[in-house]
Amino acid sequence: MREDPGTERIRAAFDEALPLTVGLEEELMLLDPETHALAPVAREVLGDFEADGGDPAFKLELPASQLEIVTRPHRCVPDAVAALRRGRERLAEALEGRVRPAAAGVHPSAPGVGDLNSGARYDRTAAEFGSLAGRQLVSSLQVHVPCGGAERTLAVYNALRALLPEIAALAANAPFYEGADTGLASVRPKLCELLPRQGVPPPLESWEEYAAALRWGRRSGAFIDQASWWWELRPHPTFGTLELRVPDAQTTTAEAAGVAAIAHCLVASLCDRFDAGDRFADPPGWRIAENRWRAARDGVEGEMADLLTGDLSPTRARLGKRADELRDVAARLGCVDELCAARSMIEENGAIRQRRFAERSGVEALPGWLAERWLDQASVKAASLPSRDADDM
C-alpha cells in the first residue's frame, strides 16, 4: 500500500539529510545596561540588522526580551561553536552597549511574567495560554544533528530519549528565579511544563505514527504544525535532523561547546550501534521522566536510576563514564577538546557557578555577571580524558 504524502515527505527529509553535521540555535536574553533587568527590545534590535540588509543568524522568539542566534549546519562542533561565537560578537558590536546580551536558562531575578512579541504564531500562543505564555521567559541551547536515513533517525530518536536526563544534568544553568534560589539546578523545565508537549517525548514506532500525530494536532486545534511539537527532543522534518531541546542556554560559548559535543557524540554513537545491528531497549517513559526530574533538581550533583533495575549511581560518575565511552567518537568527529570541556563541566557546570557567585556577591549581581561573561572564551578549563590502557585498546 502506498504511503500517504505526509509520511513520504517526512521519510524523504530524513533520507536526504547529510549525516552527522551539527547546527546550533541559542536563545539569549537582552538586558538593560544599567539595571540588568530584561529589556523587551528584541524587535527593535532585529530591525537594526534588517536596516543593514538583514542577517539570517538572528531571529525573534516569543519573549520580547529574547533573540535567537542560529548557525547553519557545520561538519563538526568546533566549526559550529565558532559560528556561534561570531554571532555573539556581531550582536555585541551592533548593540554598542545600548543593550547587554546574556545567556542562562532563565533570568535570575526578573519578574516571572514578561512582555511577548507579536506575530501570528506568538499571538496564537498568547491567546491560548494567557498569562502562562508570559511566563515562558526561558532560554535553551538547541542542537540539530541529522542521522542520515529515515529508519536510522527513528531508531536513534527512540534510544536518545533515555539519555536526555544526562544532557540536562550537565547543561543545568538556572537555579535562581525571581530573585530566589529555587532549590533546583534548573527551574526552566518546570516553567516549560506550564505549556503542553513538554519534557520527555513519546516513543514513535513509525513515521506513519508521527505523521498521524501531526494530523491529529491540526484537526484538533492542539497544534497546527511540527513547530509546536515542543518536547525536549523532536524530529525536525524541515531540516531532516534530530533537534535536542533539553539543554539550558549556556553562559559562555566554551560551555555551549561542551554540551554540543556530548550531544553530537551521543547521536553519532547511537548511529554506529544501529548500523552494527543493535536494537535498543525501550524503557517506560515515566522512568526516564524520573531521571529527568533528578537532573532538574540536582544537576550533576545528584543520582540517577538505572532504567532497568532502579539501582542508583552518582550522576557525576555516570557522566564521566559516558564521556570516556565517547572519546573515540569525539576523535572521529573532531571535538576532543570540546568533550574535555564537557568533562570539566561534570565537576562545575553553570548552576554551580551561578550559586558560587551568588554566595560571594548576591543574587542581585548575577545578571550583570552573566552579561560580563557573554564573550568569555576561556571560562571552562578543559579536563583531560583518561588515556587508554593497553588492554583497553
Protein backbone atom coordinates (compact mmCIF):
# COMPACT_ATOMS: atom_id res chain seq x y z
CA MET A 1 0.00 0.00 0.00
CA ARG A 2 1.29 3.42 -0.94
CA GLU A 3 2.19 5.67 1.99
CA ASP A 4 0.26 8.89 2.49
CA PRO A 5 2.03 12.00 1.14
CA GLY A 6 2.79 13.32 4.62
CA THR A 7 4.72 10.21 5.61
CA GLU A 8 6.53 10.14 2.26
CA ARG A 9 7.72 13.74 2.73
CA ILE A 10 8.88 13.01 6.27
CA ARG A 11 10.85 9.95 5.20
CA ALA A 12 12.40 11.82 2.29
CA ALA A 13 13.55 14.66 4.54
CA PHE A 14 15.46 12.28 6.83
CA ASP A 15 16.75 10.10 3.99
CA GLU A 16 18.20 13.09 2.15
CA ALA A 17 19.91 14.84 5.08
CA LEU A 18 23.72 14.75 5.14
CA PRO A 19 24.50 12.70 8.26
CA LEU A 20 26.23 13.95 11.40
CA THR A 21 26.61 17.61 10.67
CA VAL A 22 25.77 19.86 13.63
CA GLY A 23 23.86 23.12 13.85
CA LEU A 24 23.09 25.27 16.90
CA GLU A 25 20.29 27.60 17.96
CA GLU A 26 20.94 29.71 21.05
CA GLU A 27 18.23 31.69 22.84
CA LEU A 28 19.64 34.72 24.63
CA MET A 29 18.39 37.42 26.98
CA LEU A 30 18.54 41.16 26.29
CA LEU A 31 19.30 43.23 29.40
CA ASP A 32 19.07 46.89 30.31
CA PRO A 33 22.71 48.10 30.52
CA GLU A 34 22.14 49.91 33.84
CA THR A 35 19.72 47.72 35.80
CA HIS A 36 20.36 44.39 34.02
CA ALA A 37 16.60 43.80 34.02
CA LEU A 38 15.08 42.14 30.97
CA ALA A 39 14.75 44.66 28.13
CA PRO A 40 11.79 43.93 25.78
CA VAL A 41 13.53 45.37 22.71
CA ALA A 42 14.20 42.30 20.56
CA ARG A 43 12.13 43.55 17.62
CA GLU A 44 13.98 46.88 17.63
CA VAL A 45 17.35 45.13 17.77
CA LEU A 46 16.39 42.83 14.91
CA GLY A 47 15.18 45.88 13.00
CA ASP A 48 18.68 47.34 13.20
CA PHE A 49 20.05 44.25 11.42
CA GLU A 50 17.26 44.38 8.83
CA ALA A 51 18.08 48.03 8.13
CA ASP A 52 21.58 46.86 7.18
CA GLY A 53 20.24 44.21 4.82
CA GLY A 54 19.29 41.58 7.36
CA ASP A 55 21.22 38.76 8.98
CA PRO A 56 19.83 35.18 8.96
CA ALA A 57 21.87 34.42 12.07
CA PHE A 58 19.35 36.32 14.23
CA LYS A 59 15.63 35.73 14.72
CA LEU A 60 12.83 36.60 17.11
CA GLU A 61 11.34 34.28 19.72
CA LEU A 62 8.20 34.51 21.87
CA PRO A 63 9.63 36.73 24.68
CA ALA A 64 10.13 40.35 23.65
CA SER A 65 13.40 40.34 25.62
CA GLN A 66 14.89 37.40 23.70
CA LEU A 67 16.73 36.84 20.43
CA GLU A 68 18.00 33.63 18.92
CA ILE A 69 21.35 33.07 17.22
CA VAL A 70 21.16 30.41 14.51
CA THR A 71 24.12 28.71 12.84
CA ARG A 72 23.99 26.83 9.59
CA PRO A 73 24.97 23.13 9.65
CA HIS A 74 28.70 22.51 10.15
CA ARG A 75 30.80 19.41 9.86
CA CYS A 76 31.95 19.50 13.47
CA VAL A 77 31.24 21.11 16.84
CA PRO A 78 34.31 23.42 16.77
CA ASP A 79 33.09 24.97 13.50
CA ALA A 80 29.51 25.33 14.75
CA VAL A 81 30.68 26.92 18.01
CA ALA A 82 33.00 29.27 16.10
CA ALA A 83 29.95 30.41 14.13
CA LEU A 84 28.00 30.85 17.36
CA ARG A 85 30.85 32.91 18.81
CA ARG A 86 30.92 35.12 15.71
CA GLY A 87 27.18 35.65 16.14
CA ARG A 88 27.71 36.72 19.74
CA GLU A 89 30.47 39.10 18.71
CA ARG A 90 28.40 40.65 15.90
CA LEU A 91 25.47 41.13 18.25
CA ALA A 92 27.59 42.74 20.96
CA GLU A 93 29.16 45.06 18.40
CA ALA A 94 25.79 46.04 16.95
CA LEU A 95 24.28 46.76 20.36
CA GLU A 96 27.15 49.13 21.28
CA GLY A 97 26.27 48.98 24.96
CA ARG A 98 22.67 50.12 24.41
CA VAL A 99 21.52 46.65 25.45
CA ARG A 100 23.58 43.86 27.01
CA PRO A 101 23.13 40.24 25.91
CA ALA A 102 23.46 37.35 28.37
CA ALA A 103 22.72 33.64 28.40
CA ALA A 104 21.30 31.30 31.05
CA GLY A 105 18.24 29.08 31.37
CA VAL A 106 16.27 31.94 32.97
CA HIS A 107 16.97 35.45 34.22
CA PRO A 108 17.91 35.06 37.90
CA SER A 109 15.93 37.97 39.31
CA ALA A 110 13.42 39.32 36.76
CA PRO A 111 9.67 39.19 37.41
CA GLY A 112 8.25 35.86 36.27
CA VAL A 113 5.85 37.35 33.71
CA GLY A 114 7.17 39.46 30.85
CA ASP A 115 6.27 41.08 27.54
CA LEU A 116 5.80 38.93 24.44
CA ASN A 117 6.46 39.60 20.78
CA SER A 118 3.53 39.97 18.40
CA GLY A 119 3.04 37.96 15.23
CA ALA A 120 0.68 35.25 14.03
CA ARG A 121 2.30 32.35 15.88
CA TYR A 122 3.06 34.34 19.02
CA ASP A 123 -0.44 35.84 19.14
CA ARG A 124 -1.97 32.35 18.94
CA THR A 125 0.20 31.20 21.83
CA ALA A 126 -0.71 34.22 23.94
CA ALA A 127 -4.41 33.85 23.17
CA GLU A 128 -4.45 30.15 24.06
CA PHE A 129 -2.31 30.20 27.19
CA GLY A 130 -2.80 33.70 28.57
CA SER A 131 -0.52 34.60 31.48
CA LEU A 132 1.17 31.19 31.26
CA ALA A 133 2.64 32.28 27.92
CA GLY A 134 4.07 35.34 29.65
CA ARG A 135 6.00 33.02 31.98
CA GLN A 136 7.90 31.43 29.09
CA LEU A 137 10.92 33.67 29.67
CA VAL A 138 13.17 30.66 29.23
CA SER A 139 16.27 30.13 27.10
CA SER A 140 17.67 26.92 25.67
CA LEU A 141 20.55 25.72 23.55
CA GLN A 142 19.16 23.61 20.70
CA VAL A 143 21.45 21.15 18.94
CA HIS A 144 20.50 19.80 15.49
CA VAL A 145 22.11 16.60 14.23
CA PRO A 146 20.93 14.65 11.15
CA CYS A 147 21.38 10.88 11.32
CA GLY A 148 21.05 10.24 7.58
CA GLY A 149 18.31 7.75 6.75
CA ALA A 150 14.73 7.71 7.97
CA GLU A 151 14.89 4.37 9.79
CA ARG A 152 18.22 5.22 11.38
CA THR A 153 16.80 8.54 12.57
CA LEU A 154 13.73 6.89 14.07
CA ALA A 155 15.79 4.31 15.98
CA VAL A 156 18.21 6.93 17.31
CA TYR A 157 15.33 9.20 18.32
CA ASN A 158 13.78 6.46 20.43
CA ALA A 159 17.10 5.49 22.03
CA LEU A 160 18.17 9.07 22.71
CA ARG A 161 15.07 9.69 24.83
CA ALA A 162 16.64 7.70 27.67
CA LEU A 163 19.81 9.84 27.60
CA LEU A 164 18.10 13.25 27.77
CA PRO A 165 18.42 13.45 31.59
CA GLU A 166 22.20 13.15 31.33
CA ILE A 167 22.43 16.05 28.88
CA ALA A 168 20.01 18.08 31.02
CA ALA A 169 22.06 17.49 34.18
CA LEU A 170 25.29 18.61 32.51
CA ALA A 171 23.62 21.70 30.99
CA ALA A 172 21.61 22.78 34.07
CA ASN A 173 22.05 26.56 34.31
CA ALA A 174 19.00 28.11 36.00
CA PRO A 175 18.99 27.74 39.81
CA PHE A 176 17.54 31.21 40.57
CA TYR A 177 14.11 32.60 39.69
CA GLU A 178 12.52 35.91 40.66
CA GLY A 179 15.48 36.67 42.89
CA ALA A 180 15.42 33.47 44.97
CA ASP A 181 17.21 30.13 44.92
CA THR A 182 14.65 27.58 43.72
CA GLY A 183 16.47 24.60 45.20
CA LEU A 184 16.73 23.27 41.65
CA ALA A 185 19.71 23.15 39.35
CA SER A 186 17.35 24.29 36.59
CA VAL A 187 13.87 25.72 37.02
CA ARG A 188 13.48 26.09 33.25
CA PRO A 189 11.77 22.71 32.63
CA LYS A 190 9.22 23.39 35.35
CA LEU A 191 8.31 26.68 33.68
CA CYS A 192 8.12 24.99 30.29
CA GLU A 193 5.74 22.42 31.75
CA LEU A 194 3.14 25.15 32.18
CA LEU A 195 2.50 24.51 28.47
CA PRO A 196 1.67 21.14 26.84
CA ARG A 197 4.01 18.81 24.94
CA GLN A 198 6.99 19.36 27.23
CA GLY A 199 9.62 17.14 28.80
CA VAL A 200 10.49 13.60 27.70
CA PRO A 201 8.93 12.98 24.29
CA PRO A 202 6.77 9.98 23.44
CA PRO A 203 8.30 6.99 21.65
CA LEU A 204 7.50 6.67 17.96
CA GLU A 205 7.01 3.24 16.45
CA SER A 206 6.96 4.51 12.87
CA TRP A 207 6.94 7.63 10.73
CA GLU A 208 3.31 6.84 10.00
CA GLU A 209 2.61 7.32 13.72
CA TYR A 210 4.43 10.66 13.70
CA ALA A 211 2.54 11.85 10.60
CA ALA A 212 -0.73 10.77 12.22
CA ALA A 213 0.16 12.73 15.38
CA LEU A 214 0.73 15.87 13.33
CA ARG A 215 -2.58 15.37 11.51
CA TRP A 216 -4.37 14.93 14.83
CA GLY A 217 -2.80 18.11 16.14
CA ARG A 218 -4.01 20.11 13.16
CA ARG A 219 -7.54 18.69 13.19
CA SER A 220 -7.97 19.05 16.94
CA GLY A 221 -6.51 22.55 17.00
CA ALA A 222 -3.99 21.45 19.65
CA PHE A 223 -1.06 22.41 17.42
CA ILE A 224 -1.02 23.43 13.80
CA ASP A 225 2.36 22.04 12.75
CA GLN A 226 5.51 20.29 13.95
CA ALA A 227 6.96 23.59 15.23
CA SER A 228 4.59 23.29 18.22
CA TRP A 229 5.74 19.73 18.97
CA TRP A 230 7.63 21.21 21.93
CA TRP A 231 9.18 18.13 23.53
CA GLU A 232 12.82 18.17 24.68
CA LEU A 233 13.75 16.04 21.67
CA ARG A 234 11.95 16.06 18.35
CA PRO A 235 12.40 15.01 14.74
CA HIS A 236 12.62 18.10 12.55
CA PRO A 237 11.38 17.23 9.04
CA THR A 238 12.21 20.68 7.65
CA PHE A 239 15.94 20.10 8.26
CA GLY A 240 16.00 16.29 8.42
CA THR A 241 17.57 16.48 11.88
CA LEU A 242 17.02 15.34 15.41
CA GLU A 243 16.66 18.51 17.46
CA LEU A 244 17.82 18.25 21.06
CA ARG A 245 15.98 20.95 23.02
CA VAL A 246 16.81 19.74 26.52
CA PRO A 247 19.91 21.88 27.36
CA ASP A 248 19.62 25.21 29.14
CA ALA A 249 21.27 28.11 27.33
CA GLN A 250 24.94 28.25 28.31
CA THR A 251 26.55 31.40 29.65
CA THR A 252 29.73 31.10 27.55
CA THR A 253 30.50 29.56 24.18
CA ALA A 254 33.04 27.27 25.87
CA GLU A 255 30.22 25.77 27.94
CA ALA A 256 27.98 25.59 24.88
CA ALA A 257 30.76 23.70 23.10
CA GLY A 258 30.91 21.11 25.88
CA VAL A 259 27.17 20.49 25.76
CA ALA A 260 27.11 20.37 21.96
CA ALA A 261 29.99 17.87 21.91
CA ILE A 262 28.20 15.48 24.26
CA ALA A 263 25.01 15.74 22.19
CA HIS A 264 26.81 15.29 18.85
CA CYS A 265 28.83 12.32 20.08
CA LEU A 266 25.80 10.60 21.63
CA VAL A 267 23.88 10.80 18.36
CA ALA A 268 26.87 9.51 16.37
CA SER A 269 27.43 6.67 18.84
CA LEU A 270 23.80 5.58 18.60
CA CYS A 271 24.03 5.72 14.79
CA ASP A 272 27.06 3.43 14.96
CA ARG A 273 25.22 0.98 17.18
CA PHE A 274 22.20 0.95 14.88
CA ASP A 275 24.44 0.29 11.88
CA ALA A 276 26.06 -2.59 13.79
CA GLY A 277 22.68 -4.21 14.30
CA ASP A 278 21.99 -3.18 17.91
CA ARG A 279 18.35 -2.90 18.87
CA PHE A 280 17.83 -0.53 21.74
CA ALA A 281 15.97 -1.08 24.99
CA ASP A 282 12.62 0.66 25.33
CA PRO A 283 12.25 1.71 28.98
CA PRO A 284 8.95 3.22 30.13
CA GLY A 285 8.76 6.95 29.61
CA TRP A 286 7.83 7.57 33.24
CA ARG A 287 11.17 6.10 34.35
CA ILE A 288 13.04 8.44 32.02
CA ALA A 289 10.94 11.29 33.44
CA GLU A 290 12.02 10.31 36.98
CA ASN A 291 15.67 10.76 35.96
CA ARG A 292 14.71 13.97 34.17
CA TRP A 293 13.31 15.31 37.45
CA ARG A 294 16.54 14.36 39.24
CA ALA A 295 18.50 16.24 36.57
CA ALA A 296 16.38 19.36 37.05
CA ARG A 297 16.61 19.18 40.83
CA ASP A 298 20.24 18.21 41.33
CA GLY A 299 22.08 18.77 38.05
CA VAL A 300 25.40 16.96 38.19
CA GLU A 301 25.36 16.74 41.99
CA GLY A 302 22.69 14.08 42.46
CA GLU A 303 22.00 10.50 41.47
CA MET A 304 20.21 8.78 38.62
CA ALA A 305 18.50 5.42 38.47
CA ASP A 306 19.28 2.58 36.11
CA LEU A 307 16.23 2.47 33.85
CA LEU A 308 16.00 -1.33 34.01
CA THR A 309 16.96 -2.17 37.61
CA GLY A 310 16.33 1.06 39.50
CA ASP A 311 19.84 0.95 41.02
CA LEU A 312 21.18 4.42 41.84
CA SER A 313 24.57 5.82 40.87
CA PRO A 314 26.08 9.32 41.21
CA THR A 315 25.30 11.48 38.19
CA ARG A 316 28.90 12.65 38.04
CA ALA A 317 30.12 9.05 37.78
CA ARG A 318 27.51 8.30 35.14
CA LEU A 319 28.51 11.32 33.05
CA GLY A 320 32.22 10.62 33.49
CA LYS A 321 31.76 7.08 32.22
CA ARG A 322 29.74 8.39 29.30
CA ALA A 323 32.48 10.86 28.35
CA ASP A 324 35.06 8.05 28.46
CA GLU A 325 32.88 5.89 26.21
CA LEU A 326 32.57 8.70 23.67
CA ARG A 327 36.26 9.59 23.32
CA ASP A 328 36.82 7.59 20.11
CA VAL A 329 33.67 9.06 18.58
CA ALA A 330 34.87 12.53 19.57
CA ALA A 331 38.22 11.90 17.88
CA ARG A 332 36.42 10.88 14.70
CA LEU A 333 34.12 13.91 14.82
CA GLY A 334 36.92 16.35 15.63
CA CYS A 335 35.65 17.52 19.02
CA VAL A 336 38.05 16.00 21.58
CA ASP A 337 38.81 19.38 23.19
CA GLU A 338 35.11 20.14 23.45
CA LEU A 339 34.42 16.74 25.03
CA CYS A 340 37.17 17.51 27.55
CA ALA A 341 35.39 20.79 28.32
CA ALA A 342 32.21 18.81 28.93
CA ARG A 343 34.09 16.56 31.33
CA SER A 344 35.18 19.65 33.26
CA MET A 345 31.55 20.76 33.49
CA ILE A 346 30.74 17.50 35.26
CA GLU A 347 32.56 19.00 38.24
CA GLU A 348 31.33 22.60 37.85
CA ASN A 349 28.51 23.39 35.49
CA GLY A 350 26.51 26.58 35.07
CA ALA A 351 24.19 26.03 38.03
CA ILE A 352 27.12 25.51 40.39
CA ARG A 353 28.93 28.57 39.02
CA GLN A 354 25.85 30.75 39.50
CA ARG A 355 25.39 29.62 43.09
CA ARG A 356 29.05 30.18 43.95
CA PHE A 357 28.95 33.68 42.53
CA ALA A 358 25.70 34.46 44.37
CA GLU A 359 27.23 33.30 47.65
CA ARG A 360 30.01 35.86 47.17
CA SER A 361 28.17 38.77 45.61
CA GLY A 362 24.43 38.23 45.97
CA VAL A 363 21.69 37.21 43.54
CA GLU A 364 21.10 40.81 42.50
CA ALA A 365 24.60 40.91 40.96
CA LEU A 366 24.11 37.72 38.93
CA PRO A 367 22.56 39.23 35.77
CA GLY A 368 25.48 41.63 35.37
CA TRP A 369 27.93 38.79 35.90
CA LEU A 370 26.19 36.74 33.21
CA ALA A 371 26.44 39.68 30.82
CA GLU A 372 30.14 40.17 31.61
CA ARG A 373 30.81 36.58 30.58
CA TRP A 374 28.98 36.86 27.24
CA LEU A 375 32.22 36.98 25.22
CA ASP A 376 34.36 34.96 27.65
CA GLN A 377 36.10 32.21 25.66
CA ALA A 378 38.15 30.66 28.46
CA SER A 379 35.68 30.01 31.27
CA VAL A 380 35.85 26.21 31.12
CA LYS A 381 39.19 24.66 31.95
CA ALA A 382 39.32 21.51 29.88
CA ALA A 383 39.90 18.30 31.82
CA SER A 384 41.88 15.61 30.03
CA LEU A 385 40.18 12.38 29.19
CA PRO A 386 41.88 9.34 30.72
CA SER A 387 44.32 7.64 28.39
CA ARG A 388 43.50 4.10 27.33
CA ASP A 389 45.37 1.27 28.97
CA ALA A 390 47.00 -1.19 26.63
CA ASP A 391 44.41 -3.86 27.44
CA ASP A 392 41.61 -1.37 26.69
CA MET A 393 42.58 -0.93 23.05
